[in-house]
Amino acid sequence: MRRTALVASCLVIALAAQARVLMTQEQALASAFPNVKPVCQTFFLKPEQVAAARKESGVAFNDQLVVRYAGPNSFAYFDTHRVRTQPETVMIVVTADGKVDRVEILSFDEPTDYFPKRRWIDQLLGRKLDNELSLSKAIRPISGASLSGQAIVNATRKVLALHHVIGTGAPTR
């Protein structure tokens, strides 16, 4: 038992050492909300809220716990998902009226060939959740990195749907 725990601990340390962290959560929040400390808000969604967000986004997920950071006119959400075989974490900032204000990749563990360029990410800015927010519609696919593009589009759709379900108010206690 002890050996198994030691091996598991070593594996976690090895994976963490290999992870490519591009920006910490604190750095991302500071860049999204300069000179303002955003308010951390935690929401516990009811199953029907999760179902509504899933239906609206078209993305399969089961997140009942949602943490977001509220700034003066926008909200930051963090999403960690699998791209191909490795995780990626993104911050998606949404305006109060439900449009994408900013997308930042915080960590990306896939090969760098699959890393999306800034100009590709920027085509998500100003978008709202509709049928056009898709790689087969208004968002250009990434040649050679289609799974990276799909993962970010799906994360954006999920966050926008969660934002719509939650609204702009403070969490209810």
Protein backbone atom coordinates (compact mmCIF):
# COMPACT_ATOMS: atom_id res chain seq x y z
CA MET A 1 0.00 0.00 0.00
CA ARG A 2 2.76 2.42 0.93
CA ARG A 3 4.66 1.69 -2.29
CA THR A 4 1.51 2.31 -4.34
CA ALA A 5 1.00 5.70 -2.66
CA LEU A 6 4.65 6.61 -3.28
CA VAL A 7 4.43 5.64 -6.95
CA ALA A 8 1.20 7.64 -7.33
CA SER A 9 2.81 10.68 -5.66
CA CYS A 10 5.84 10.44 -7.94
CA LEU A 11 3.57 10.19 -10.98
CA VAL A 12 1.65 13.33 -9.94
CA ILE A 13 4.92 15.21 -9.39
CA ALA A 14 6.27 14.04 -12.76
CA LEU A 15 3.10 15.09 -14.59
CA ALA A 16 3.09 18.47 -12.86
CA ALA A 17 6.71 19.02 -13.84
CA GLN A 18 5.83 18.34 -17.49
CA ALA A 19 2.75 20.56 -17.57
CA ARG A 20 3.20 23.73 -19.58
CA VAL A 21 1.68 26.50 -17.54
CA LEU A 22 1.63 29.66 -19.62
CA MET A 23 -0.13 31.84 -17.08
CA THR A 24 -1.35 31.31 -13.54
CA GLN A 25 -4.96 31.90 -12.57
CA GLU A 26 -3.89 34.96 -10.57
CA GLN A 27 -2.00 36.39 -13.57
CA ALA A 28 -4.96 35.75 -15.86
CA LEU A 29 -7.38 37.47 -13.48
CA ALA A 30 -5.00 40.44 -13.07
CA SER A 31 -4.82 40.84 -16.85
CA ALA A 32 -8.60 40.57 -17.23
CA PHE A 33 -9.39 42.92 -14.35
CA PRO A 34 -6.53 45.43 -14.02
CA ASN A 35 -6.59 47.51 -10.83
CA VAL A 36 -9.65 45.61 -9.55
CA LYS A 37 -9.88 42.54 -7.36
CA PRO A 38 -12.65 40.38 -8.84
CA VAL A 39 -15.17 38.79 -6.50
CA CYS A 40 -15.13 35.00 -6.43
CA GLN A 41 -18.65 33.60 -6.78
CA THR A 42 -19.59 29.96 -6.31
CA PHE A 43 -22.79 28.47 -7.73
CA PHE A 44 -24.26 25.05 -7.02
CA LEU A 45 -26.45 24.30 -10.01
CA LYS A 46 -29.60 22.25 -9.85
CA PRO A 47 -29.77 19.26 -12.23
CA GLU A 48 -32.31 21.11 -14.38
CA GLN A 49 -29.92 24.09 -14.71
CA VAL A 50 -27.12 21.77 -15.84
CA ALA A 51 -29.49 20.11 -18.31
CA ALA A 52 -30.57 23.51 -19.67
CA ALA A 53 -26.95 24.64 -20.11
CA ARG A 54 -26.03 21.34 -21.78
CA LYS A 55 -28.94 21.66 -24.19
CA GLU A 56 -28.20 25.30 -24.98
CA SER A 57 -24.47 24.71 -25.51
CA GLY A 58 -24.70 21.38 -27.32
CA VAL A 59 -21.74 20.22 -25.22
CA ALA A 60 -21.83 17.22 -22.87
CA PHE A 61 -20.76 18.11 -19.31
CA ASN A 62 -21.94 17.57 -15.75
CA ASP A 63 -20.51 20.55 -13.87
CA GLN A 64 -22.84 21.27 -10.98
CA LEU A 65 -20.28 23.45 -9.21
CA VAL A 66 -19.43 26.64 -11.09
CA VAL A 67 -16.88 29.16 -9.86
CA ARG A 68 -16.59 32.50 -11.59
CA TYR A 69 -14.92 35.81 -10.88
CA ALA A 70 -17.01 38.95 -11.17
CA GLY A 71 -15.42 42.20 -12.24
CA PRO A 72 -17.05 45.58 -12.87
CA ASN A 73 -18.63 44.72 -16.24
CA SER A 74 -17.66 41.12 -16.94
CA PHE A 75 -17.18 37.64 -15.50
CA ALA A 76 -14.22 35.25 -15.79
CA TYR A 77 -14.73 31.51 -15.96
CA PHE A 78 -12.00 28.85 -16.01
CA ASP A 79 -12.46 25.60 -17.88
CA THR A 80 -10.15 22.58 -17.93
CA HIS A 81 -10.81 19.99 -20.60
CA ARG A 82 -9.02 17.36 -22.66
CA VAL A 83 -7.85 18.38 -26.12
CA ARG A 84 -6.59 15.16 -27.65
CA THR A 85 -5.04 13.17 -24.82
CA GLN A 86 -3.80 15.97 -22.56
CA PRO A 87 -5.51 18.71 -20.54
CA GLU A 88 -5.85 22.38 -21.40
CA THR A 89 -7.07 25.17 -19.13
CA VAL A 90 -8.60 28.34 -20.53
CA MET A 91 -10.03 31.50 -19.04
CA ILE A 92 -13.07 32.86 -20.83
CA VAL A 93 -14.27 36.33 -19.90
CA VAL A 94 -17.92 37.07 -20.66
CA THR A 95 -19.58 40.47 -20.68
CA ALA A 96 -22.76 41.01 -18.69
CA ASP A 97 -24.79 40.75 -21.90
CA GLY A 98 -23.32 37.32 -22.73
CA LYS A 99 -20.59 38.01 -25.28
CA VAL A 100 -17.04 36.72 -25.24
CA ASP A 101 -14.70 39.49 -24.13
CA ARG A 102 -11.45 37.55 -23.77
CA VAL A 103 -10.02 34.03 -24.13
CA GLU A 104 -6.66 33.08 -22.62
CA ILE A 105 -4.96 29.70 -22.61
CA LEU A 106 -3.43 29.14 -19.18
CA SER A 107 -2.00 25.67 -19.69
CA PHE A 108 -1.61 23.48 -22.74
CA ASP A 109 -0.04 20.04 -22.52
CA GLU A 110 -0.41 18.87 -26.12
CA PRO A 111 2.49 19.27 -28.60
CA THR A 112 3.11 22.91 -29.52
CA ASP A 113 2.14 22.16 -33.15
CA TYR A 114 -1.46 21.98 -31.91
CA PHE A 115 -1.37 25.30 -30.03
CA PRO A 116 -3.83 27.82 -31.51
CA LYS A 117 -2.47 31.17 -32.60
CA ARG A 118 -3.78 34.42 -31.08
CA ARG A 119 -5.44 35.53 -34.32
CA TRP A 120 -7.47 32.30 -34.33
CA ILE A 121 -8.52 32.80 -30.69
CA ASP A 122 -9.45 36.42 -31.39
CA GLN A 123 -12.21 35.37 -33.80
CA LEU A 124 -14.15 34.25 -30.70
CA LEU A 125 -14.22 37.81 -29.31
CA GLY A 126 -17.60 39.51 -29.38
CA ARG A 127 -19.38 36.23 -30.10
CA LYS A 128 -22.51 35.18 -28.28
CA LEU A 129 -23.94 31.68 -27.97
CA ASP A 130 -25.71 30.92 -31.23
CA ASN A 131 -25.44 28.48 -34.13
CA GLU A 132 -22.68 30.56 -35.74
CA LEU A 133 -20.31 29.80 -32.84
CA SER A 134 -19.09 26.63 -34.51
CA LEU A 135 -16.11 25.38 -36.52
CA SER A 136 -18.52 24.51 -39.31
CA LYS A 137 -19.97 28.04 -39.39
CA ALA A 138 -18.40 31.40 -38.42
CA ILE A 139 -15.24 30.10 -36.70
CA ARG A 140 -12.45 29.11 -39.06
CA PRO A 141 -10.97 25.69 -38.30
CA ILE A 142 -7.28 25.35 -37.43
CA SER A 143 -5.36 23.39 -40.03
CA GLY A 144 -3.53 20.55 -38.28
CA ALA A 145 -5.03 21.40 -34.90
CA SER A 146 -8.73 20.72 -35.33
CA LEU A 147 -9.05 19.08 -31.90
CA SER A 148 -7.55 22.17 -30.21
CA GLY A 149 -10.00 24.41 -32.03
CA GLN A 150 -12.96 22.18 -31.21
CA ALA A 151 -11.97 22.03 -27.53
CA ILE A 152 -11.82 25.82 -27.22
CA VAL A 153 -15.08 26.35 -29.13
CA ASN A 154 -16.80 23.74 -26.93
CA ALA A 155 -15.41 25.37 -23.76
CA THR A 156 -16.65 28.76 -25.00
CA ARG A 157 -20.12 27.39 -25.77
CA LYS A 158 -20.26 25.71 -22.35
CA VAL A 159 -19.20 28.87 -20.49
CA LEU A 160 -21.67 31.06 -22.40
CA ALA A 161 -24.50 28.61 -21.63
CA LEU A 162 -23.54 28.46 -17.95
CA HIS A 163 -23.39 32.27 -17.87
CA HIS A 164 -26.87 32.43 -19.37
CA VAL A 165 -28.26 29.93 -16.85
CA ILE A 166 -26.59 31.61 -13.86
CA GLY A 167 -27.25 35.20 -14.88
CA THR A 168 -25.32 38.21 -13.68
CA GLY A 169 -26.41 38.25 -10.06
CA ALA A 170 -24.66 37.02 -6.96
CA PRO A 171 -25.05 33.41 -5.89
CA THR A 172 -28.07 32.56 -3.79
CA ARG A 173 -27.31 31.08 -0.41
